[in-house]
């Protein structure tokens, strides 16, 4: 019997990011933020942009493609209402999206699937 495993399953205790960091003694803290309000997201990104922020979202919604599933991408910087994402598979190495589109993709992927912002901070 073949079982289908969905994504990285970071919502499960055994794969939860904070547990992995602690288990392997990686000196980073992990905090999860499910933010879907535009002004709150803008404030969060401006406050923490110098930290490492990964955004988890519904990929098809973000890029207007017919695809299912979530995706997680490192945020490089904020330029006004645009967000620059590190995207190695793109020939430029990055993609630019609007904050509005990003929030739509976060809502669609849902809190249940850990959509939102993952903040990593050095704890040394």
PDB file of N, CA and C in Angstrom:
ATOM      1  N   UNK A   1       0.838  -1.183   0.000  1.00  0.00           N
ATOM      2  CA  UNK A   1       0.000   0.000   0.000  1.00  0.00           C
ATOM      3  C   UNK A   1       0.886   1.251   0.000  1.00  0.00           C
ATOM      4  N   UNK A   2       0.608   2.169  -0.883  1.00  0.00           N
ATOM      5  CA  UNK A   2       1.361   3.420  -0.981  1.00  0.00           C
ATOM      6  C   UNK A   2       0.596   4.504  -0.241  1.00  0.00           C
ATOM      7  N   UNK A   3       1.298   5.179   0.644  1.00  0.00           N
ATOM      8  CA  UNK A   3       0.664   6.261   1.399  1.00  0.00           C
ATOM      9  C   UNK A   3       1.109   7.601   0.826  1.00  0.00           C
ATOM     10  N   UNK A   4       0.194   8.509   0.788  1.00  0.00           N
ATOM     11  CA  UNK A   4       0.512   9.857   0.323  1.00  0.00           C
ATOM     12  C   UNK A   4       0.909  10.704   1.522  1.00  0.00           C
ATOM     13  N   UNK A   5       2.058  11.315   1.450  1.00  0.00           N
ATOM     14  CA  UNK A   5       2.507  12.202   2.514  1.00  0.00           C
ATOM     15  C   UNK A   5       2.407  13.620   1.980  1.00  0.00           C
ATOM     16  N   UNK A   6       1.726  14.471   2.734  1.00  0.00           N
ATOM     17  CA  UNK A   6       1.538  15.832   2.255  1.00  0.00           C
ATOM     18  C   UNK A   6       2.630  16.744   2.770  1.00  0.00           C
ATOM     19  N   UNK A   7       3.364  17.305   1.864  1.00  0.00           N
ATOM     20  CA  UNK A   7       4.349  18.331   2.174  1.00  0.00           C
ATOM     21  C   UNK A   7       5.330  17.985   3.277  1.00  0.00           C
ATOM     22  N   UNK A   8       5.813  19.005   3.939  1.00  0.00           N
ATOM     23  CA  UNK A   8       6.789  18.820   5.002  1.00  0.00           C
ATOM     24  C   UNK A   8       6.131  18.503   6.336  1.00  0.00           C
ATOM     25  N   UNK A   9       4.841  18.697   6.425  1.00  0.00           N
ATOM     26  CA  UNK A   9       4.050  18.371   7.607  1.00  0.00           C
ATOM     27  C   UNK A   9       4.530  19.069   8.871  1.00  0.00           C
ATOM     28  N   UNK A  10       4.978  20.318   8.747  1.00  0.00           N
ATOM     29  CA  UNK A  10       5.507  21.041   9.895  1.00  0.00           C
ATOM     30  C   UNK A  10       4.470  21.305  10.971  1.00  0.00           C
ATOM     31  N   UNK A  11       3.197  21.057  10.665  1.00  0.00           N
ATOM     32  CA  UNK A  11       2.158  21.224  11.662  1.00  0.00           C
ATOM     33  C   UNK A  11       2.107  20.047  12.632  1.00  0.00           C
ATOM     34  N   UNK A  12       2.806  18.952  12.327  1.00  0.00           N
ATOM     35  CA  UNK A  12       2.836  17.779  13.200  1.00  0.00           C
ATOM     36  C   UNK A  12       3.986  17.897  14.190  1.00  0.00           C
ATOM     37  N   UNK A  13       3.736  17.432  15.408  1.00  0.00           N
ATOM     38  CA  UNK A  13       4.714  17.518  16.490  1.00  0.00           C
ATOM     39  C   UNK A  13       6.089  16.977  16.093  1.00  0.00           C
ATOM     40  N   UNK A  14       6.123  15.842  15.421  1.00  0.00           N
ATOM     41  CA  UNK A  14       7.407  15.205  15.086  1.00  0.00           C
ATOM     42  C   UNK A  14       8.229  15.987  14.063  1.00  0.00           C
ATOM     43  N   UNK A  15       7.580  16.857  13.284  1.00  0.00           N
ATOM     44  CA  UNK A  15       8.284  17.640  12.270  1.00  0.00           C
ATOM     45  C   UNK A  15       8.311  19.132  12.589  1.00  0.00           C
ATOM     46  N   UNK A  16       7.750  19.506  13.724  1.00  0.00           N
ATOM     47  CA  UNK A  16       7.620  20.917  14.085  1.00  0.00           C
ATOM     48  C   UNK A  16       8.997  21.577  14.129  1.00  0.00           C
ATOM     49  N   UNK A  17       9.134  22.723  13.512  1.00  0.00           N
ATOM     50  CA  UNK A  17      10.416  23.391  13.336  1.00  0.00           C
ATOM     51  C   UNK A  17      11.125  23.678  14.664  1.00  0.00           C
ATOM     52  N   UNK A  18      10.401  24.207  15.634  1.00  0.00           N
ATOM     53  CA  UNK A  18      11.030  24.537  16.923  1.00  0.00           C
ATOM     54  C   UNK A  18      11.609  23.286  17.578  1.00  0.00           C
ATOM     55  N   UNK A  19      10.925  22.168  17.459  1.00  0.00           N
ATOM     56  CA  UNK A  19      11.428  20.911  18.033  1.00  0.00           C
ATOM     57  C   UNK A  19      12.702  20.467  17.334  1.00  0.00           C
ATOM     58  N   UNK A  20      12.748  20.612  16.026  1.00  0.00           N
ATOM     59  CA  UNK A  20      13.948  20.255  15.260  1.00  0.00           C
ATOM     60  C   UNK A  20      15.136  21.113  15.690  1.00  0.00           C
ATOM     61  N   UNK A  21      14.925  22.409  15.804  1.00  0.00           N
ATOM     62  CA  UNK A  21      15.999  23.321  16.202  1.00  0.00           C
ATOM     63  C   UNK A  21      16.539  22.957  17.584  1.00  0.00           C
ATOM     64  N   UNK A  22      15.617  22.684  18.512  1.00  0.00           N
ATOM     65  CA  UNK A  22      16.006  22.336  19.871  1.00  0.00           C
ATOM     66  C   UNK A  22      16.756  21.001  19.904  1.00  0.00           C
ATOM     67  N   UNK A  23      16.226  19.999  19.221  1.00  0.00           N
ATOM     68  CA  UNK A  23      16.820  18.667  19.197  1.00  0.00           C
ATOM     69  C   UNK A  23      18.253  18.687  18.658  1.00  0.00           C
ATOM     70  N   UNK A  24      18.489  19.494  17.634  1.00  0.00           N
ATOM     71  CA  UNK A  24      19.797  19.543  16.989  1.00  0.00           C
ATOM     72  C   UNK A  24      20.675  20.691  17.496  1.00  0.00           C
ATOM     73  N   UNK A  25      20.211  21.313  18.593  1.00  0.00           N
ATOM     74  CA  UNK A  25      20.970  22.390  19.249  1.00  0.00           C
ATOM     75  C   UNK A  25      21.374  23.508  18.275  1.00  0.00           C
ATOM     76  N   UNK A  26      20.445  23.868  17.410  1.00  0.00           N
ATOM     77  CA  UNK A  26      20.648  24.982  16.481  1.00  0.00           C
ATOM     78  C   UNK A  26      20.187  26.245  17.202  1.00  0.00           C
ATOM     79  N   UNK A  27      21.067  27.229  17.365  1.00  0.00           N
ATOM     80  CA  UNK A  27      20.746  28.403  18.190  1.00  0.00           C
ATOM     81  C   UNK A  27      19.832  29.424  17.494  1.00  0.00           C
ATOM     82  N   UNK A  28      18.668  28.962  17.126  1.00  0.00           N
ATOM     83  CA  UNK A  28      17.662  29.834  16.531  1.00  0.00           C
ATOM     84  C   UNK A  28      16.344  29.635  17.260  1.00  0.00           C
ATOM     85  N   UNK A  29      15.613  30.717  17.437  1.00  0.00           N
ATOM     86  CA  UNK A  29      14.247  30.575  17.947  1.00  0.00           C
ATOM     87  C   UNK A  29      13.307  30.611  16.745  1.00  0.00           C
ATOM     88  N   UNK A  30      12.154  29.997  16.898  1.00  0.00           N
ATOM     89  CA  UNK A  30      11.136  29.953  15.849  1.00  0.00           C
ATOM     90  C   UNK A  30       9.841  30.467  16.444  1.00  0.00           C
ATOM     91  N   UNK A  31       9.239  31.443  15.778  1.00  0.00           N
ATOM     92  CA  UNK A  31       7.936  31.945  16.193  1.00  0.00           C
ATOM     93  C   UNK A  31       7.026  31.971  14.973  1.00  0.00           C
ATOM     94  N   UNK A  32       5.802  31.536  15.185  1.00  0.00           N
ATOM     95  CA  UNK A  32       4.816  31.459  14.102  1.00  0.00           C
ATOM     96  C   UNK A  32       3.796  32.584  14.251  1.00  0.00           C
ATOM     97  N   UNK A  33       3.512  33.268  13.128  1.00  0.00           N
ATOM     98  CA  UNK A  33       2.534  34.348  13.109  1.00  0.00           C
ATOM     99  C   UNK A  33       1.563  34.140  11.956  1.00  0.00           C
ATOM    100  N   UNK A  34       0.286  33.960  12.294  1.00  0.00           N
ATOM    101  CA  UNK A  34      -0.746  33.886  11.253  1.00  0.00           C
ATOM    102  C   UNK A  34      -1.361  35.281  11.161  1.00  0.00           C
ATOM    103  N   UNK A  35      -0.936  36.025  10.163  1.00  0.00           N
ATOM    104  CA  UNK A  35      -1.392  37.410   9.982  1.00  0.00           C
ATOM    105  C   UNK A  35      -2.040  37.523   8.612  1.00  0.00           C
ATOM    106  N   UNK A  36      -3.276  38.010   8.589  1.00  0.00           N
ATOM    107  CA  UNK A  36      -3.970  38.179   7.307  1.00  0.00           C
ATOM    108  C   UNK A  36      -4.444  39.618   7.093  1.00  0.00           C
ATOM    109  N   UNK A  37      -4.277  40.459   8.094  1.00  0.00           N
ATOM    110  CA  UNK A  37      -4.652  41.864   7.985  1.00  0.00           C
ATOM    111  C   UNK A  37      -3.509  42.637   7.330  1.00  0.00           C
ATOM    112  N   UNK A  38      -3.823  43.448   6.342  1.00  0.00           N
ATOM    113  CA  UNK A  38      -2.816  44.182   5.571  1.00  0.00           C
ATOM    114  C   UNK A  38      -1.933  45.067   6.453  1.00  0.00           C
ATOM    115  N   UNK A  39      -2.545  45.907   7.276  1.00  0.00           N
ATOM    116  CA  UNK A  39      -1.774  46.836   8.105  1.00  0.00           C
ATOM    117  C   UNK A  39      -0.924  46.103   9.142  1.00  0.00           C
ATOM    118  N   UNK A  40      -1.479  45.066   9.723  1.00  0.00           N
ATOM    119  CA  UNK A  40      -0.732  44.269  10.703  1.00  0.00           C
ATOM    120  C   UNK A  40       0.458  43.580  10.033  1.00  0.00           C
ATOM    121  N   UNK A  41       0.246  43.052   8.830  1.00  0.00           N
ATOM    122  CA  UNK A  41       1.327  42.385   8.093  1.00  0.00           C
ATOM    123  C   UNK A  41       2.419  43.392   7.720  1.00  0.00           C
ATOM    124  N   UNK A  42       2.027  44.554   7.268  1.00  0.00           N
ATOM    125  CA  UNK A  42       2.987  45.596   6.898  1.00  0.00           C
ATOM    126  C   UNK A  42       3.842  45.984   8.108  1.00  0.00           C
ATOM    127  N   UNK A  43       3.194  46.169   9.256  1.00  0.00           N
ATOM    128  CA  UNK A  43       3.909  46.508  10.482  1.00  0.00           C
ATOM    129  C   UNK A  43       4.871  45.381  10.882  1.00  0.00           C
ATOM    130  N   UNK A  44       4.396  44.145  10.843  1.00  0.00           N
ATOM    131  CA  UNK A  44       5.223  42.982  11.187  1.00  0.00           C
ATOM    132  C   UNK A  44       6.459  42.911  10.288  1.00  0.00           C
ATOM    133  N   UNK A  45       6.256  43.009   8.985  1.00  0.00           N
ATOM    134  CA  UNK A  45       7.374  42.899   8.045  1.00  0.00           C
ATOM    135  C   UNK A  45       8.386  44.030   8.235  1.00  0.00           C
ATOM    136  N   UNK A  46       7.912  45.248   8.423  1.00  0.00           N
ATOM    137  CA  UNK A  46       8.825  46.373   8.638  1.00  0.00           C
ATOM    138  C   UNK A  46       9.601  46.223   9.952  1.00  0.00           C
ATOM    139  N   UNK A  47       8.957  45.682  10.966  1.00  0.00           N
ATOM    140  CA  UNK A  47       9.603  45.499  12.266  1.00  0.00           C
ATOM    141  C   UNK A  47      10.687  44.419  12.222  1.00  0.00           C
ATOM    142  N   UNK A  48      10.422  43.318  11.491  1.00  0.00           N
ATOM    143  CA  UNK A  48      11.313  42.162  11.533  1.00  0.00           C
ATOM    144  C   UNK A  48      12.093  41.896  10.251  1.00  0.00           C
ATOM    145  N   UNK A  49      12.092  42.803   9.300  1.00  0.00           N
ATOM    146  CA  UNK A  49      12.717  42.533   8.007  1.00  0.00           C
ATOM    147  C   UNK A  49      14.219  42.242   8.121  1.00  0.00           C
ATOM    148  N   UNK A  50      14.869  42.708   9.155  1.00  0.00           N
ATOM    149  CA  UNK A  50      16.295  42.421   9.334  1.00  0.00           C
ATOM    150  C   UNK A  50      16.530  41.008   9.890  1.00  0.00           C
ATOM    151  N   UNK A  51      15.461  40.350  10.318  1.00  0.00           N
ATOM    152  CA  UNK A  51      15.536  38.966  10.802  1.00  0.00           C
ATOM    153  C   UNK A  51      15.265  38.034   9.615  1.00  0.00           C
ATOM    154  N   UNK A  52      15.298  36.735   9.861  1.00  0.00           N
ATOM    155  CA  UNK A  52      14.952  35.770   8.815  1.00  0.00           C
ATOM    156  C   UNK A  52      13.471  35.435   8.917  1.00  0.00           C
ATOM    157  N   UNK A  53      12.730  35.768   7.855  1.00  0.00           N
ATOM    158  CA  UNK A  53      11.291  35.503   7.811  1.00  0.00           C
ATOM    159  C   UNK A  53      11.003  34.611   6.606  1.00  0.00           C
ATOM    160  N   UNK A  54      10.337  33.521   6.877  1.00  0.00           N
ATOM    161  CA  UNK A  54       9.857  32.648   5.808  1.00  0.00           C
ATOM    162  C   UNK A  54       8.346  32.812   5.765  1.00  0.00           C
ATOM    163  N   UNK A  55       7.798  32.905   4.577  1.00  0.00           N
ATOM    164  CA  UNK A  55       6.356  32.976   4.426  1.00  0.00           C
ATOM    165  C   UNK A  55       5.872  31.647   3.836  1.00  0.00           C
ATOM    166  N   UNK A  56       4.794  31.107   4.426  1.00  0.00           N
ATOM    167  CA  UNK A  56       4.185  29.871   3.952  1.00  0.00           C
ATOM    168  C   UNK A  56       2.814  30.231   3.377  1.00  0.00           C
ATOM    169  N   UNK A  57       2.501  29.730   2.179  1.00  0.00           N
ATOM    170  CA  UNK A  57       1.318  30.175   1.455  1.00  0.00           C
ATOM    171  C   UNK A  57       0.867  29.117   0.446  1.00  0.00           C
ATOM    172  N   UNK A  58      -0.296  29.347  -0.169  1.00  0.00           N
ATOM    173  CA  UNK A  58      -0.792  28.492  -1.252  1.00  0.00           C
ATOM    174  C   UNK A  58      -0.137  28.968  -2.537  1.00  0.00           C
ATOM    175  N   UNK A  59       0.694  28.125  -3.109  1.00  0.00           N
ATOM    176  CA  UNK A  59       1.525  28.495  -4.260  1.00  0.00           C
ATOM    177  C   UNK A  59       0.704  28.921  -5.488  1.00  0.00           C
ATOM    178  N   UNK A  60      -0.321  28.174  -5.803  1.00  0.00           N
ATOM    179  CA  UNK A  60      -1.130  28.494  -6.978  1.00  0.00           C
ATOM    180  C   UNK A  60      -1.801  29.858  -6.882  1.00  0.00           C
ATOM    181  N   UNK A  61      -2.256  30.211  -5.690  1.00  0.00           N
ATOM    182  CA  UNK A  61      -2.902  31.508  -5.477  1.00  0.00           C
ATOM    183  C   UNK A  61      -1.878  32.634  -5.615  1.00  0.00           C
ATOM    184  N   UNK A  62      -0.713  32.448  -5.042  1.00  0.00           N
ATOM    185  CA  UNK A  62       0.316  33.485  -5.081  1.00  0.00           C
ATOM    186  C   UNK A  62       0.725  33.837  -6.513  1.00  0.00           C
ATOM    187  N   UNK A  63       0.849  32.804  -7.353  1.00  0.00           N
ATOM    188  CA  UNK A  63       1.379  33.029  -8.697  1.00  0.00           C
ATOM    189  C   UNK A  63       0.350  32.822  -9.815  1.00  0.00           C
ATOM    190  N   UNK A  64      -0.946  32.824  -9.458  1.00  0.00           N
ATOM    191  CA  UNK A  64      -2.034  32.698 -10.432  1.00  0.00           C
ATOM    192  C   UNK A  64      -1.854  31.491 -11.348  1.00  0.00           C
ATOM    193  N   UNK A  65      -1.555  30.350 -10.743  1.00  0.00           N
ATOM    194  CA  UNK A  65      -1.372  29.115 -11.516  1.00  0.00           C
ATOM    195  C   UNK A  65      -2.320  28.056 -10.982  1.00  0.00           C
ATOM    196  N   UNK A  66      -2.613  27.088 -11.807  1.00  0.00           N
ATOM    197  CA  UNK A  66      -3.471  25.985 -11.386  1.00  0.00           C
ATOM    198  C   UNK A  66      -2.599  24.921 -10.740  1.00  0.00           C
ATOM    199  N   UNK A  67      -2.355  25.094  -9.452  1.00  0.00           N
ATOM    200  CA  UNK A  67      -1.581  24.112  -8.697  1.00  0.00           C
ATOM    201  C   UNK A  67      -2.073  24.116  -7.256  1.00  0.00           C
ATOM    202  N   UNK A  68      -1.967  22.978  -6.643  1.00  0.00           N
ATOM    203  CA  UNK A  68      -2.382  22.826  -5.252  1.00  0.00           C
ATOM    204  C   UNK A  68      -1.160  22.826  -4.355  1.00  0.00           C
ATOM    205  N   UNK A  69      -1.400  22.879  -3.099  1.00  0.00           N
ATOM    206  CA  UNK A  69      -0.345  22.727  -2.112  1.00  0.00           C
ATOM    207  C   UNK A  69       0.289  24.021  -1.674  1.00  0.00           C
ATOM    208  N   UNK A  70       0.976  23.903  -0.563  1.00  0.00           N
ATOM    209  CA  UNK A  70       1.635  25.050   0.012  1.00  0.00           C
ATOM    210  C   UNK A  70       3.090  25.131  -0.392  1.00  0.00           C
ATOM    211  N   UNK A  71       3.687  26.242  -0.050  1.00  0.00           N
ATOM    212  CA  UNK A  71       5.080  26.471  -0.372  1.00  0.00           C
ATOM    213  C   UNK A  71       5.611  27.442   0.680  1.00  0.00           C
ATOM    214  N   UNK A  72       6.889  27.354   0.993  1.00  0.00           N
ATOM    215  CA  UNK A  72       7.511  28.261   1.953  1.00  0.00           C
ATOM    216  C   UNK A  72       8.720  28.910   1.289  1.00  0.00           C
ATOM    217  N   UNK A  73       8.843  30.211   1.454  1.00  0.00           N
ATOM    218  CA  UNK A  73       9.885  30.981   0.777  1.00  0.00           C
ATOM    219  C   UNK A  73      10.452  32.039   1.724  1.00  0.00           C
ATOM    220  N   UNK A  74      11.739  32.248   1.638  1.00  0.00           N
ATOM    221  CA  UNK A  74      12.408  33.268   2.433  1.00  0.00           C
ATOM    222  C   UNK A  74      12.110  34.658   1.861  1.00  0.00           C
ATOM    223  N   UNK A  75      11.758  35.583   2.736  1.00  0.00           N
ATOM    224  CA  UNK A  75      11.534  36.969   2.315  1.00  0.00           C
ATOM    225  C   UNK A  75      12.871  37.703   2.324  1.00  0.00           C
ATOM    226  N   UNK A  76      13.216  38.303   1.202  1.00  0.00           N
ATOM    227  CA  UNK A  76      14.473  39.042   1.071  1.00  0.00           C
ATOM    228  C   UNK A  76      14.324  40.478   1.555  1.00  0.00           C
ATOM    229  N   UNK A  77      13.272  41.170   1.049  1.00  0.00           N
ATOM    230  CA  UNK A  77      13.071  42.563   1.468  1.00  0.00           C
ATOM    231  C   UNK A  77      11.671  43.035   1.111  1.00  0.00           C
ATOM    232  N   UNK A  78      11.350  44.191   1.660  1.00  0.00           N
ATOM    233  CA  UNK A  78      10.067  44.844   1.413  1.00  0.00           C
ATOM    234  C   UNK A  78      10.365  46.140   0.680  1.00  0.00           C
ATOM    235  N   UNK A  79       9.646  46.362  -0.427  1.00  0.00           N
ATOM    236  CA  UNK A  79       9.777  47.598  -1.203  1.00  0.00           C
ATOM    237  C   UNK A  79       8.385  48.191  -1.365  1.00  0.00           C
ATOM    238  N   UNK A  80       8.013  49.082  -0.457  1.00  0.00           N
ATOM    239  CA  UNK A  80       6.666  49.657  -0.511  1.00  0.00           C
ATOM    240  C   UNK A  80       5.630  48.581  -0.264  1.00  0.00           C
ATOM    241  N   UNK A  81       4.749  48.355  -1.246  1.00  0.00           N
ATOM    242  CA  UNK A  81       3.724  47.321  -1.135  1.00  0.00           C
ATOM    243  C   UNK A  81       4.142  46.018  -1.802  1.00  0.00           C
ATOM    244  N   UNK A  82       5.404  45.931  -2.219  1.00  0.00           N
ATOM    245  CA  UNK A  82       5.919  44.715  -2.860  1.00  0.00           C
ATOM    246  C   UNK A  82       6.852  43.967  -1.920  1.00  0.00           C
ATOM    247  N   UNK A  83       6.822  42.655  -2.045  1.00  0.00           N
ATOM    248  CA  UNK A  83       7.670  41.778  -1.248  1.00  0.00           C
ATOM    249  C   UNK A  83       8.580  41.032  -2.224  1.00  0.00           C
ATOM    250  N   UNK A  84       9.873  41.013  -1.929  1.00  0.00           N
ATOM    251  CA  UNK A  84      10.835  40.279  -2.751  1.00  0.00           C
ATOM    252  C   UNK A  84      11.105  38.945  -2.052  1.00  0.00           C
ATOM    253  N   UNK A  85      10.813  37.847  -2.763  1.00  0.00           N
ATOM    254  CA  UNK A  85      11.007  36.498  -2.237  1.00  0.00           C
ATOM    255  C   UNK A  85      12.222  35.861  -2.892  1.00  0.00           C
ATOM    256  N   UNK A  86      13.045  35.180  -2.107  1.00  0.00           N
ATOM    257  CA  UNK A  86      14.142  34.397  -2.671  1.00  0.00           C
ATOM    258  C   UNK A  86      13.489  33.203  -3.375  1.00  0.00           C
ATOM    259  N   UNK A  87      13.827  32.999  -4.636  1.00  0.00           N
ATOM    260  CA  UNK A  87      13.171  31.950  -5.422  1.00  0.00           C
ATOM    261  C   UNK A  87      14.183  31.322  -6.380  1.00  0.00           C
ATOM    262  N   UNK A  88      15.014  30.396  -5.871  1.00  0.00           N
ATOM    263  CA  UNK A  88      16.108  29.828  -6.676  1.00  0.00           C
ATOM    264  C   UNK A  88      15.681  29.198  -8.002  1.00  0.00           C
ATOM    265  N   UNK A  89      14.466  28.664  -8.075  1.00  0.00           N
ATOM    266  CA  UNK A  89      14.063  28.014  -9.332  1.00  0.00           C
ATOM    267  C   UNK A  89      13.741  29.007 -10.448  1.00  0.00           C
ATOM    268  N   UNK A  90      13.568  30.262 -10.081  1.00  0.00           N
ATOM    269  CA  UNK A  90      13.348  31.306 -11.076  1.00  0.00           C
ATOM    270  C   UNK A  90      14.715  31.740 -11.613  1.00  0.00           C
ATOM    271  N   UNK A  91      14.820  32.040 -12.891  1.00  0.00           N
ATOM    272  CA  UNK A  91      16.127  32.399 -13.458  1.00  0.00           C
ATOM    273  C   UNK A  91      16.729  33.643 -12.818  1.00  0.00           C
ATOM    274  N   UNK A  92      15.901  34.561 -12.322  1.00  0.00           N
ATOM    275  CA  UNK A  92      16.412  35.758 -11.651  1.00  0.00           C
ATOM    276  C   UNK A  92      16.836  35.458 -10.213  1.00  0.00           C
ATOM    277  N   UNK A  93      16.350  34.357  -9.659  1.00  0.00           N
ATOM    278  CA  UNK A  93      16.670  33.999  -8.278  1.00  0.00           C
ATOM    279  C   UNK A  93      15.726  34.604  -7.254  1.00  0.00           C
ATOM    280  N   UNK A  94      14.750  35.365  -7.731  1.00  0.00           N
ATOM    281  CA  UNK A  94      13.782  35.970  -6.827  1.00  0.00           C
ATOM    282  C   UNK A  94      12.468  36.209  -7.565  1.00  0.00           C
ATOM    283  N   UNK A  95      11.428  36.456  -6.795  1.00  0.00           N
ATOM    284  CA  UNK A  95      10.132  36.858  -7.354  1.00  0.00           C
ATOM    285  C   UNK A  95       9.592  38.006  -6.531  1.00  0.00           C
ATOM    286  N   UNK A  96       8.917  38.916  -7.212  1.00  0.00           N
ATOM    287  CA  UNK A  96       8.316  40.077  -6.568  1.00  0.00           C
ATOM    288  C   UNK A  96       6.808  39.878  -6.567  1.00  0.00           C
ATOM    289  N   UNK A  97       6.187  40.031  -5.392  1.00  0.00           N
ATOM    290  CA  UNK A  97       4.739  39.883  -5.265  1.00  0.00           C
ATOM    291  C   UNK A  97       4.203  41.057  -4.449  1.00  0.00           C
ATOM    292  N   UNK A  98       2.925  41.297  -4.558  1.00  0.00           N
ATOM    293  CA  UNK A  98       2.324  42.338  -3.732  1.00  0.00           C
ATOM    294  C   UNK A  98       1.957  41.747  -2.374  1.00  0.00           C
ATOM    295  N   UNK A  99       1.953  42.589  -1.367  1.00  0.00           N
ATOM    296  CA  UNK A  99       1.549  42.145  -0.035  1.00  0.00           C
ATOM    297  C   UNK A  99       0.106  41.659  -0.063  1.00  0.00           C
ATOM    298  N   UNK A 100      -0.733  42.325  -0.821  1.00  0.00           N
ATOM    299  CA  UNK A 100      -2.138  41.923  -0.935  1.00  0.00           C
ATOM    300  C   UNK A 100      -2.266  40.498  -1.472  1.00  0.00           C
ATOM    301  N   UNK A 101      -1.511  40.172  -2.511  1.00  0.00           N
ATOM    302  CA  UNK A 101      -1.552  38.832  -3.102  1.00  0.00           C
ATOM    303  C   UNK A 101      -1.005  37.804  -2.115  1.00  0.00           C
ATOM    304  N   UNK A 102       0.063  38.166  -1.401  1.00  0.00           N
ATOM    305  CA  UNK A 102       0.646  37.263  -0.422  1.00  0.00           C
ATOM    306  C   UNK A 102      -0.367  36.924   0.670  1.00  0.00           C
ATOM    307  N   UNK A 103      -1.085  37.925   1.162  1.00  0.00           N
ATOM    308  CA  UNK A 103      -2.072  37.689   2.214  1.00  0.00           C
ATOM    309  C   UNK A 103      -3.225  36.826   1.715  1.00  0.00           C
ATOM    310  N   UNK A 104      -3.612  37.004   0.471  1.00  0.00           N
ATOM    311  CA  UNK A 104      -4.643  36.152  -0.130  1.00  0.00           C
ATOM    312  C   UNK A 104      -4.164  34.691  -0.153  1.00  0.00           C
ATOM    313  N   UNK A 105      -2.911  34.479  -0.514  1.00  0.00           N
ATOM    314  CA  UNK A 105      -2.344  33.132  -0.582  1.00  0.00           C
ATOM    315  C   UNK A 105      -2.183  32.519   0.811  1.00  0.00           C
ATOM    316  N   UNK A 106      -1.891  33.343   1.807  1.00  0.00           N
ATOM    317  CA  UNK A 106      -1.806  32.865   3.189  1.00  0.00           C
ATOM    318  C   UNK A 106      -3.188  32.418   3.664  1.00  0.00           C
ATOM    319  N   UNK A 107      -4.196  33.258   3.448  1.00  0.00           N
ATOM    320  CA  UNK A 107      -5.566  32.908   3.864  1.00  0.00           C
ATOM    321  C   UNK A 107      -6.015  31.608   3.220  1.00  0.00           C
ATOM    322  N   UNK A 108      -5.737  31.454   1.945  1.00  0.00           N
ATOM    323  CA  UNK A 108      -6.173  30.261   1.213  1.00  0.00           C
ATOM    324  C   UNK A 108      -5.499  28.998   1.750  1.00  0.00           C
ATOM    325  N   UNK A 109      -4.233  29.096   2.104  1.00  0.00           N
ATOM    326  CA  UNK A 109      -3.517  27.910   2.605  1.00  0.00           C
ATOM    327  C   UNK A 109      -3.921  27.574   4.035  1.00  0.00           C
ATOM    328  N   UNK A 110      -4.304  28.528   4.819  1.00  0.00           N
ATOM    329  CA  UNK A 110      -4.903  28.422   6.150  1.00  0.00           C
ATOM    330  C   UNK A 110      -3.926  28.205   7.300  1.00  0.00           C
ATOM    331  N   UNK A 111      -4.384  28.624   8.448  1.00  0.00           N
ATOM    332  CA  UNK A 111      -3.618  28.469   9.685  1.00  0.00           C
ATOM    333  C   UNK A 111      -3.390  26.989   9.990  1.00  0.00           C
ATOM    334  N   UNK A 112      -4.376  26.172   9.682  1.00  0.00           N
ATOM    335  CA  UNK A 112      -4.271  24.721   9.912  1.00  0.00           C
ATOM    336  C   UNK A 112      -3.036  24.130   9.234  1.00  0.00           C
ATOM    337  N   UNK A 113      -2.638  24.705   8.108  1.00  0.00           N
ATOM    338  CA  UNK A 113      -1.463  24.236   7.359  1.00  0.00           C
ATOM    339  C   UNK A 113      -0.216  25.072   7.644  1.00  0.00           C
ATOM    340  N   UNK A 114      -0.250  25.846   8.720  1.00  0.00           N
ATOM    341  CA  UNK A 114       0.863  26.708   9.151  1.00  0.00           C
ATOM    342  C   UNK A 114       1.196  27.799   8.144  1.00  0.00           C
ATOM    343  N   UNK A 115       0.193  28.231   7.384  1.00  0.00           N
ATOM    344  CA  UNK A 115       0.396  29.379   6.502  1.00  0.00           C
ATOM    345  C   UNK A 115       0.637  30.605   7.364  1.00  0.00           C
ATOM    346  N   UNK A 116       1.427  31.511   6.845  1.00  0.00           N
ATOM    347  CA  UNK A 116       1.726  32.736   7.572  1.00  0.00           C
ATOM    348  C   UNK A 116       3.212  32.997   7.576  1.00  0.00           C
ATOM    349  N   UNK A 117       3.665  33.676   8.616  1.00  0.00           N
ATOM    350  CA  UNK A 117       5.058  34.079   8.707  1.00  0.00           C
ATOM    351  C   UNK A 117       5.779  33.269   9.772  1.00  0.00           C
ATOM    352  N   UNK A 118       6.943  32.771   9.411  1.00  0.00           N
ATOM    353  CA  UNK A 118       7.792  32.017  10.335  1.00  0.00           C
ATOM    354  C   UNK A 118       9.012  32.880  10.613  1.00  0.00           C
ATOM    355  N   UNK A 119       9.163  33.320  11.834  1.00  0.00           N
ATOM    356  CA  UNK A 119      10.262  34.203  12.215  1.00  0.00           C
ATOM    357  C   UNK A 119      11.349  33.395  12.924  1.00  0.00           C
ATOM    358  N   UNK A 120      12.564  33.524  12.427  1.00  0.00           N
ATOM    359  CA  UNK A 120      13.728  32.867  13.022  1.00  0.00           C
ATOM    360  C   UNK A 120      14.660  33.937  13.556  1.00  0.00           C
ATOM    361  N   UNK A 121      15.099  33.762  14.813  1.00  0.00           N
ATOM    362  CA  UNK A 121      16.020  34.725  15.420  1.00  0.00           C
ATOM    363  C   UNK A 121      17.163  33.991  16.103  1.00  0.00           C
ATOM    364  N   UNK A 122      18.329  34.570  16.014  1.00  0.00           N
ATOM    365  CA  UNK A 122      19.519  34.021  16.667  1.00  0.00           C
ATOM    366  C   UNK A 122      19.356  34.151  18.174  1.00  0.00           C
ATOM    367  N   UNK A 123      19.603  33.076  18.914  1.00  0.00           N
ATOM    368  CA  UNK A 123      19.437  33.131  20.369  1.00  0.00           C
ATOM    369  C   UNK A 123      20.776  33.018  21.113  1.00  0.00           C
ATOM    370  N   UNK A 124      21.849  33.231  20.393  1.00  0.00           N
ATOM    371  CA  UNK A 124      23.163  33.213  21.069  1.00  0.00           C
ATOM    372  C   UNK A 124      23.408  34.498  21.807  1.00  0.00           C
TER     373      UNK A 124
END
